Protein backbone atom coordinates (compact mmCIF):
# COMPACT_ATOMS: atom_id res chain seq x y z
CA UNK A 1 -9.94 20.85 99.56
CA UNK A 2 -12.43 18.87 97.56
CA UNK A 3 -12.17 21.42 94.66
CA UNK A 4 -8.40 21.23 94.70
CA UNK A 5 -8.61 17.47 94.37
CA UNK A 6 -11.10 17.85 91.51
CA UNK A 7 -8.80 20.22 89.69
CA UNK A 8 -5.85 17.89 90.12
CA UNK A 9 -7.88 15.00 88.83
CA UNK A 10 -8.90 16.95 85.70
CA UNK A 11 -5.39 17.97 84.90
CA UNK A 12 -4.07 14.38 85.29
CA UNK A 13 -6.82 13.08 83.07
CA UNK A 14 -6.25 15.83 80.50
CA UNK A 15 -2.44 14.93 80.29
CA UNK A 16 -3.32 11.30 79.85
CA UNK A 17 -5.67 12.17 77.12
CA UNK A 18 -3.22 14.25 75.16
CA UNK A 19 -2.67 13.04 71.57
CA UNK A 20 0.31 10.62 71.12
CA UNK A 21 3.13 11.67 68.77
CA UNK A 22 2.04 11.67 65.20
CA UNK A 23 3.36 8.65 63.20
CA UNK A 24 5.37 9.84 60.27
CA UNK A 25 4.83 6.82 57.97
CA UNK A 26 2.97 7.51 54.83
CA UNK A 27 0.44 4.78 55.49
CA UNK A 28 -0.84 6.58 58.58
CA UNK A 29 -1.02 10.18 57.19
CA UNK A 30 -4.12 12.04 58.34
CA UNK A 31 -7.04 12.64 55.97
CA UNK A 32 -8.16 16.29 56.12
CA UNK A 33 -10.77 15.95 53.25
CA UNK A 34 -13.79 15.74 55.52
CA UNK A 35 -14.03 19.31 56.80
CA UNK A 36 -16.10 19.66 59.92
CA UNK A 37 -16.31 23.49 59.50
CA UNK A 38 -19.89 23.55 58.06
CA UNK A 39 -21.38 21.87 61.07
CA UNK A 40 -19.19 23.69 63.51
CA UNK A 41 -19.98 27.07 61.90
CA UNK A 42 -23.72 26.38 62.16
CA UNK A 43 -23.38 25.45 65.85
CA UNK A 44 -21.27 28.51 66.59
CA UNK A 45 -23.99 30.68 65.04
CA UNK A 46 -26.82 29.05 66.87
CA UNK A 47 -25.23 28.34 70.12
CA UNK A 48 -22.59 30.96 70.74
CA UNK A 49 -23.73 34.03 68.77
CA UNK A 50 -26.96 34.71 70.74
CA UNK A 51 -24.97 34.68 73.98
CA UNK A 52 -22.40 37.05 72.32
CA UNK A 53 -25.17 39.49 71.39
CA UNK A 54 -26.56 39.38 74.81
CA UNK A 55 -23.10 40.01 76.29
CA UNK A 56 -22.50 42.93 73.90
CA UNK A 57 -25.95 44.40 74.65
CA UNK A 58 -27.22 44.49 70.94
CA UNK A 59 -30.48 43.44 69.52
CA UNK A 60 -29.47 43.17 65.85
CA UNK A 61 -26.25 42.66 63.93
CA UNK A 62 -25.80 43.60 60.29
CA UNK A 63 -23.04 42.12 58.09
CA UNK A 64 -22.82 43.08 54.35
CA UNK A 65 -20.88 40.70 52.14
CA UNK A 66 -19.81 41.09 48.51
CA UNK A 67 -17.66 39.67 45.86
CA UNK A 68 -13.68 40.00 45.99
CA UNK A 69 -13.55 42.75 48.67
CA UNK A 70 -15.53 40.78 51.34
CA UNK A 71 -16.02 41.25 55.08
CA UNK A 72 -13.38 39.45 57.13
CA UNK A 73 -16.27 37.72 59.12
CA UNK A 74 -17.83 36.43 55.92
CA UNK A 75 -16.64 32.76 56.23
CA UNK A 76 -17.96 32.70 59.74
CA UNK A 77 -21.49 33.61 58.68
CA UNK A 78 -21.67 31.74 55.27
CA UNK A 79 -21.06 34.77 53.16
CA UNK A 80 -17.75 33.69 51.61
CA UNK A 81 -19.31 32.89 48.17
CA UNK A 82 -21.20 36.19 47.82
CA UNK A 83 -21.44 37.63 44.40
CA UNK A 84 -23.64 40.50 44.42
CA UNK A 85 -24.25 42.41 47.71
CA UNK A 86 -25.86 40.23 50.40
CA UNK A 87 -27.08 41.44 53.80
CA UNK A 88 -26.84 38.93 56.75
CA UNK A 89 -29.08 39.89 59.83
CA UNK A 90 -28.85 38.24 63.27
CA UNK A 91 -31.40 39.42 65.82
CA UNK A 92 -33.04 38.82 69.05
CA UNK A 93 -36.76 39.42 69.78
CA UNK A 94 -39.53 38.00 71.82
CA UNK A 95 -39.42 34.81 69.80
CA UNK A 96 -35.69 34.25 70.51
CA UNK A 97 -32.59 34.28 68.13
CA UNK A 98 -33.05 34.51 64.37
CA UNK A 99 -30.80 34.64 61.36
CA UNK A 100 -32.11 36.16 58.14
CA UNK A 101 -30.30 36.77 54.82
CA UNK A 102 -31.27 39.17 52.02
CA UNK A 103 -29.53 37.47 49.12
CA UNK A 104 -29.21 38.28 45.44
CA UNK A 105 -31.26 35.77 43.45
CA UNK A 106 -28.24 34.28 41.78
CA UNK A 107 -26.74 33.07 45.00
CA UNK A 108 -29.77 32.52 47.15
CA UNK A 109 -30.42 28.92 46.08
CA UNK A 110 -26.90 27.65 47.03
CA UNK A 111 -26.93 29.71 50.35
CA UNK A 112 -30.31 28.37 51.38
CA UNK A 113 -29.09 24.68 50.66
CA UNK A 114 -26.26 25.25 53.22
CA UNK A 115 -28.94 25.30 55.79
CA UNK A 116 -27.14 27.70 57.96
CA UNK A 117 -29.68 30.39 58.36
CA UNK A 118 -33.30 30.32 59.57
CA UNK A 119 -34.37 32.07 56.34
CA UNK A 120 -32.92 33.28 53.04
CA UNK A 121 -34.99 35.97 51.18
CA UNK A 122 -34.34 36.37 47.50
CA UNK A 123 -33.60 39.82 46.24
CA UNK A 124 -34.65 40.11 42.61
CA UNK A 125 -32.04 41.33 40.03
CA UNK A 126 -31.84 45.07 39.95
CA UNK A 127 -33.13 45.65 43.53
CA UNK A 128 -30.97 46.36 46.59
CA UNK A 129 -30.45 43.88 49.36
CA UNK A 130 -29.48 46.80 51.66
CA UNK A 131 -32.83 48.54 51.13
CA UNK A 132 -34.66 45.31 51.61
CA UNK A 133 -32.87 44.68 54.88
CA UNK A 134 -33.44 48.30 55.95
CA UNK A 135 -37.26 48.00 55.33
CA UNK A 136 -37.27 44.92 57.51
CA UNK A 137 -35.33 46.65 60.30
CA UNK A 138 -37.68 49.57 60.07
CA UNK A 139 -40.64 47.22 60.88
CA UNK A 140 -38.82 46.07 64.11
CA UNK A 141 -38.31 47.98 67.19
CA UNK A 142 -34.63 47.09 67.79
CA UNK A 143 -32.50 48.90 70.31
CA UNK A 144 -28.85 48.77 69.45
CA UNK A 145 -27.94 47.72 65.95
CA UNK A 146 -24.35 46.51 65.55
CA UNK A 147 -22.43 47.13 62.30
CA UNK A 148 -18.95 46.14 61.34
CA UNK A 149 -17.11 49.32 61.81
CA UNK A 150 -14.30 49.26 64.46
CA UNK A 151 -11.18 51.06 65.44
CA UNK A 152 -9.69 48.19 67.55
CA UNK A 153 -10.85 44.90 66.09
CA UNK A 154 -9.97 44.08 62.47
CA UNK A 155 -12.52 41.26 62.33
CA UNK A 156 -15.19 43.76 63.17
CA UNK A 157 -14.17 46.30 60.63
CA UNK A 158 -15.46 44.93 57.33
CA UNK A 159 -17.91 47.61 56.40
CA UNK A 160 -16.55 49.95 53.83
CA UNK A 161 -17.10 53.70 53.81
CA UNK A 162 -19.53 53.47 50.80
CA UNK A 163 -21.40 50.48 52.24
CA UNK A 164 -21.91 52.44 55.53
CA UNK A 165 -23.10 55.48 53.67
CA UNK A 166 -25.58 53.37 51.64
CA UNK A 167 -26.82 51.61 54.89
CA UNK A 168 -27.25 54.86 56.76
CA UNK A 169 -29.27 56.43 53.93
CA UNK A 170 -31.38 53.27 53.74
CA UNK A 171 -32.10 53.10 57.40
CA UNK A 172 -32.91 56.79 57.70
CA UNK A 173 -33.51 57.81 61.39
CA UNK A 174 -32.94 54.19 62.53
CA UNK A 175 -29.31 54.64 61.63
CA UNK A 176 -28.89 56.54 64.97
CA UNK A 177 -29.20 53.21 66.70
CA UNK A 178 -26.07 51.85 64.98
CA UNK A 179 -23.14 50.89 67.20
CA UNK A 180 -19.85 49.08 66.53
CA UNK A 181 -19.80 45.37 66.50
CA UNK A 182 -16.37 45.34 68.20
CA UNK A 183 -17.64 43.70 71.53
CA UNK A 184 -20.08 41.44 69.73
CA UNK A 185 -17.33 39.98 67.44
CA UNK A 186 -14.96 39.85 70.36
CA UNK A 187 -17.42 37.89 72.51
CA UNK A 188 -18.25 35.54 69.62
CA UNK A 189 -14.95 34.63 68.17
CA UNK A 190 -13.00 34.53 71.34
CA UNK A 191 -14.80 31.37 72.53
CA UNK A 192 -14.17 28.06 70.83
CA UNK A 193 -16.39 24.97 70.83
CA UNK A 194 -15.02 21.71 72.29
CA UNK A 195 -14.84 20.30 68.74
CA UNK A 196 -12.65 23.25 67.70
CA UNK A 197 -10.39 22.81 70.73
CA UNK A 198 -9.89 19.16 69.68
CA UNK A 199 -8.81 20.08 66.18
CA UNK A 200 -6.40 22.71 67.59
CA UNK A 201 -5.02 19.95 69.79
CA UNK A 202 -4.20 17.90 66.69
CA UNK A 203 -2.56 21.04 65.19
CA UNK A 204 -0.46 21.71 68.25
CA UNK A 205 0.55 18.01 68.35
CA UNK A 206 1.76 18.15 64.69
CA UNK A 207 3.64 21.29 65.20
CA UNK A 208 5.41 19.90 68.22
CA UNK A 209 6.11 16.49 66.74
CA UNK A 210 7.60 18.12 63.59
CA UNK A 211 9.86 20.15 65.67
CA UNK A 212 11.33 17.23 67.62
CA UNK A 213 11.89 15.49 64.26
CA UNK A 214 13.67 18.66 62.92
CA UNK A 215 15.99 18.70 65.86
CA UNK A 216 16.99 15.10 65.03
CA UNK A 217 18.13 15.99 61.59
CA UNK A 218 20.58 18.79 62.62
CA UNK A 219 24.27 18.28 62.01
CA UNK A 220 26.21 20.87 64.03
CA UNK A 221 28.64 22.78 61.93
CA UNK A 222 26.78 22.03 58.82
CA UNK A 223 23.02 22.44 59.00
CA UNK A 224 21.65 25.99 58.68
CA UNK A 225 18.62 27.51 60.33
CA UNK A 226 17.05 27.72 56.79
CA UNK A 227 17.57 24.00 56.20
CA UNK A 228 15.75 23.23 59.46
CA UNK A 229 12.89 25.44 58.27
CA UNK A 230 12.94 23.72 54.92
CA UNK A 231 12.64 20.33 56.59
CA UNK A 232 9.58 21.60 58.43
CA UNK A 233 8.00 22.93 55.19
CA UNK A 234 8.41 19.41 53.74
CA UNK A 235 6.70 17.84 56.66
CA UNK A 236 3.84 20.24 56.15
CA UNK A 237 3.58 19.21 52.54
CA UNK A 238 3.82 15.56 53.41
CA UNK A 239 0.91 15.83 55.85
CA UNK A 240 -1.14 18.19 53.80
CA UNK A 241 -1.35 21.06 56.24
CA UNK A 242 -0.73 24.81 55.81
CA UNK A 243 1.03 27.70 57.51
CA UNK A 244 -0.47 29.10 60.67
CA UNK A 245 0.88 32.55 59.61
CA UNK A 246 2.70 34.13 56.73
CA UNK A 247 4.84 31.52 54.98
CA UNK A 248 7.87 33.66 54.87
CA UNK A 249 8.09 33.71 58.63
CA UNK A 250 6.70 30.17 59.42
CA UNK A 251 8.78 28.49 60.76
CA UNK A 252 11.15 30.80 62.42
CA UNK A 253 14.34 28.86 63.23
CA UNK A 254 16.78 30.85 65.19
CA UNK A 255 20.16 29.61 66.52
CA UNK A 256 21.61 33.02 67.04
CA UNK A 257 20.64 36.08 69.14
CA UNK A 258 17.01 37.20 69.23
CA UNK A 259 15.50 38.34 66.01
CA UNK A 260 11.76 38.66 66.98
CA UNK A 261 9.26 37.57 64.34
CA UNK A 262 11.33 36.86 61.32
CA UNK A 263 12.41 34.33 58.78
CA UNK A 264 15.11 31.62 59.15
CA UNK A 265 18.49 32.65 57.87
CA UNK A 266 21.56 30.79 56.40
CA UNK A 267 23.33 30.78 59.75
CA UNK A 268 25.09 27.55 60.38
CA UNK A 269 24.03 25.91 63.66
CA UNK A 270 27.08 25.47 65.87
CA UNK A 271 27.95 23.79 69.18
CA UNK A 272 26.99 25.86 72.13
CA UNK A 273 23.92 27.43 70.32
CA UNK A 274 20.57 27.74 71.86
CA UNK A 275 17.94 27.06 69.11
CA UNK A 276 14.49 28.35 68.97
CA UNK A 277 11.75 27.04 66.60
CA UNK A 278 8.54 29.10 66.37
CA UNK A 279 6.02 27.12 64.28
CA UNK A 280 2.46 26.63 63.69
CA UNK A 281 0.22 24.60 61.22
CA UNK A 282 -3.33 25.17 59.89
CA UNK A 283 -5.82 22.32 59.62
CA UNK A 284 -8.77 22.30 57.28
CA UNK A 285 -7.79 25.78 56.25
CA UNK A 286 -9.40 27.10 59.42
CA UNK A 287 -7.75 26.36 62.76
CA UNK A 288 -4.06 27.08 63.70
CA UNK A 289 -1.50 26.16 66.23
CA UNK A 290 1.43 28.22 67.60
CA UNK A 291 4.22 26.18 69.43
CA UNK A 292 7.75 26.79 70.23
CA UNK A 293 10.42 24.16 71.16
CA UNK A 294 13.91 24.90 72.45
CA UNK A 295 17.15 22.99 72.19
CA UNK A 296 20.85 23.26 73.10
CA UNK A 297 23.63 22.02 70.84
CA UNK A 298 26.28 20.12 72.85
CA UNK A 299 29.93 21.03 72.58
CA UNK A 300 32.33 18.20 72.15
CA UNK A 301 32.67 16.36 75.45
CA UNK A 302 29.38 17.66 76.85
CA UNK A 303 26.62 15.27 77.91
CA UNK A 304 24.31 18.00 79.29
CA UNK A 305 23.79 21.68 78.86
CA UNK A 306 26.10 24.03 80.97
CA UNK A 307 24.68 24.99 84.30
CA UNK A 308 23.97 28.55 83.20
CA UNK A 309 21.90 27.40 80.15
CA UNK A 310 20.11 24.86 82.25
CA UNK A 311 19.24 27.40 84.71
CA UNK A 312 17.84 29.76 82.04
CA UNK A 313 15.69 26.85 80.86
CA UNK A 314 14.34 26.07 84.23
CA UNK A 315 13.55 29.80 84.85
CA UNK A 316 11.70 29.98 81.47
CA UNK A 317 9.80 26.82 82.27
CA UNK A 318 8.83 28.17 85.76
CA UNK A 319 7.51 31.32 84.18
CA UNK A 320 5.34 29.28 81.79
CA UNK A 321 3.96 27.20 84.61
CA UNK A 322 3.20 30.39 86.67
CA UNK A 323 1.25 31.83 83.77
CA UNK A 324 -0.54 28.56 83.23
CA UNK A 325 -1.59 28.37 86.90
CA UNK A 326 -3.01 31.92 86.64
CA UNK A 327 -5.20 31.24 83.66
CA UNK A 328 -8.78 31.00 85.12
CA UNK A 329 -12.13 32.29 84.22
CA UNK A 330 -12.58 35.86 85.57
CA UNK A 331 -8.82 36.58 85.65
CA UNK A 332 -7.56 39.55 83.54
CA UNK A 333 -4.99 39.03 80.85
CA UNK A 334 -2.64 41.48 82.55
CA UNK A 335 -2.79 39.37 85.74
CA UNK A 336 -1.58 36.21 83.81
CA UNK A 337 1.30 38.27 82.47
CA UNK A 338 2.08 39.55 85.97
CA UNK A 339 2.33 35.97 87.39
CA UNK A 340 5.42 35.31 85.42
CA UNK A 341 6.88 38.75 85.37
CA UNK A 342 7.39 38.53 89.10
CA UNK A 343 9.40 35.32 88.64
CA UNK A 344 11.39 36.81 85.78
CA UNK A 345 12.56 39.66 88.03
CA UNK A 346 13.59 37.29 90.92
CA UNK A 347 15.41 35.14 88.39
CA UNK A 348 17.32 38.06 86.97
CA UNK A 349 16.02 37.98 83.45
CA UNK A 350 16.68 40.81 81.12
CA UNK A 351 13.67 42.81 79.89
CA UNK A 352 11.38 40.98 77.41
CA UNK A 353 9.23 43.20 75.18
CA UNK A 354 6.67 40.52 74.12
CA UNK A 355 3.46 39.74 75.98
CA UNK A 356 3.28 36.47 77.91
CA UNK A 357 0.45 35.20 75.51
CA UNK A 358 -2.25 35.79 73.06
CA UNK A 359 -5.43 34.14 71.88
CA UNK A 360 -5.06 31.57 69.05
CA UNK A 361 -7.57 29.74 66.90
CA UNK A 362 -8.53 30.97 63.34
CA UNK A 363 -5.39 32.92 63.17
CA UNK A 364 -2.13 32.83 65.29
CA UNK A 365 -2.99 36.10 66.98
CA UNK A 366 -6.75 35.74 67.32
CA UNK A 367 -9.53 37.76 68.91
CA UNK A 368 -9.57 37.66 72.68
CA UNK A 369 -7.74 38.85 75.76
CA UNK A 370 -4.07 39.88 75.50
CA UNK A 371 -1.81 38.22 78.22
CA UNK A 372 0.40 41.31 78.67
CA UNK A 373 0.85 44.70 80.03
CA UNK A 374 2.33 44.07 83.45
CA UNK A 375 5.65 45.54 82.37
CA UNK A 376 4.23 48.50 80.54
CA UNK A 377 3.51 51.98 81.88
CA UNK A 378 -0.04 51.73 80.48
CA UNK A 379 -2.12 48.60 79.91
CA UNK A 380 -3.87 48.17 76.60
CA UNK A 381 -7.58 47.40 76.66
CA UNK A 382 -7.33 43.87 75.47
CA UNK A 383 -5.13 43.02 78.49
CA UNK A 384 -7.88 44.21 80.76
CA UNK A 385 -10.28 41.61 79.34
CA UNK A 386 -11.23 38.73 81.54
CA UNK A 387 -10.49 35.12 80.54
CA UNK A 388 -13.55 32.95 79.88
CA UNK A 389 -14.03 29.14 79.52
CA UNK A 390 -13.55 28.10 75.90
CA UNK A 391 -10.79 30.59 75.19
CA UNK A 392 -7.55 29.20 73.75
CA UNK A 393 -4.11 30.79 74.22
CA UNK A 394 -0.61 30.32 73.16
CA UNK A 395 1.62 31.61 75.94
CA UNK A 396 5.41 31.84 76.64
CA UNK A 397 7.70 31.14 79.60
CA UNK A 398 10.40 33.74 79.33
CA UNK A 399 14.01 34.18 80.40
CA UNK A 400 16.40 36.53 78.59
CA UNK A 401 20.11 36.89 79.12
CA UNK A 402 22.99 38.86 77.49
CA UNK A 403 25.36 36.83 75.42
CA UNK A 404 29.14 37.44 75.41
CA UNK A 405 28.88 39.50 72.12
CA UNK A 406 26.38 41.83 73.82
CA UNK A 407 23.39 40.60 72.05
CA UNK A 408 20.43 38.99 73.81
CA UNK A 409 18.87 35.49 73.78
CA UNK A 410 15.52 34.68 75.14
CA UNK A 411 13.93 31.36 75.98
CA UNK A 412 10.33 31.74 75.23
CA UNK A 413 9.01 28.17 75.44
CA UNK A 414 5.46 28.43 73.97
CA UNK A 415 2.59 26.20 74.90
CA UNK A 416 -1.06 26.12 74.16
CA UNK A 417 -3.87 25.82 76.62
CA UNK A 418 -7.68 26.20 76.80
CA UNK A 419 -9.44 27.84 79.68
CA UNK A 420 -11.99 25.55 81.35
CA UNK A 421 -14.42 26.10 84.19
CA UNK A 422 -11.76 24.94 86.65
CA UNK A 423 -8.64 26.45 85.29
CA UNK A 424 -6.37 25.89 82.28
CA UNK A 425 -5.75 22.68 80.38
CA UNK A 426 -2.68 22.09 78.22
CA UNK A 427 -3.69 21.09 74.70
CA UNK A 428 -0.72 18.71 74.45
CA UNK A 429 2.17 17.59 76.68
CA UNK A 430 4.34 20.70 77.39
CA UNK A 431 8.07 20.58 76.82
CA UNK A 432 9.61 19.60 80.18
CA UNK A 433 13.30 19.14 79.27
CA UNK A 434 15.59 21.29 77.12
CA UNK A 435 16.25 19.23 73.87
CA UNK A 436 19.91 18.41 73.43
CA UNK A 437 21.33 18.24 69.90
CA UNK A 438 24.34 15.95 69.82
């Protein structure tokens, strides 16, 4: 009983603390010039990476960075400005956690001044950073050595074939200890620091506020989906934020039947349409949001949505809240999906192919557990992963129905939440009512 009261208190306090709507006047535009990433990155390396290495069961992690064709993990470890080949080592020994970089002489000074790593060793021009790192590793008695080769995690698959061959040759017999960094990168990137969650809260609020403003500018019978998308692009430019995913499909404004992940078309928005906006923004060129808001366009003489449309909305919202309630540490992603699939079946929803939710953070579909699989004959490994405190998700409440023309329309109201020790916490106020366009 006491724990239930505590959880309720936390949820109420969280809702009260959600950011207010963003003012649209030019005098109050946010300033994104002071990027917190350098300090956050340092904290992530020193606070979260050692725990990720322990969870993955590795003693050492090797990342090789280079110019132009860099490792996707480079910006997370300070290797985004690599010119010549640099080797980043993170390891655990009797003295604790250490970070050591073997850097070409030309970049070593700047890298050292960033004060990210415990030590930066200069590699003279003409000498190999890989061979220098291999010699150091040979002096240590590491168990498992993680390298960035992965079949399932793109963020852990940055080591090229030629780099791997060079590394194996330099390590000699020690190369037999190499394992994939798949689990290590998963454990590290899937958890976000509180400061990162707050930035994503801002990104979510902007995405939501802009969508409400976009619905206000619609003139039924005149405005097209593409014009609503253009309005949102202009809001992004005004506020100095970027696209959360590929610009061609952000935002997706869809007043017709389901089109999945796609671009906004020249379809004219008409009375009786149910409109979906799938939209996200990126702050500081690092953190993203992924939010959907839904609206109904009133017919002449209507003051509210028809009973059927309103019921579809309520069913979708109920599915969203069921998924939200299921999001707790230790719960598998497939179990979150199952929580709303059971409601969808009872409500008579048509089949929905998409997962209930996905991790979000540095990209819209980030590293972490997949909230899906309950409706599939086989469950993918990511959906069998357990949720942990610090993970952030975008998740949908689904209800799909067949339209009179035989096509389908799906309400998939998408919210964002962070997993805490006690359960899930909405990043911002969720959409409670179907927006009515008059």
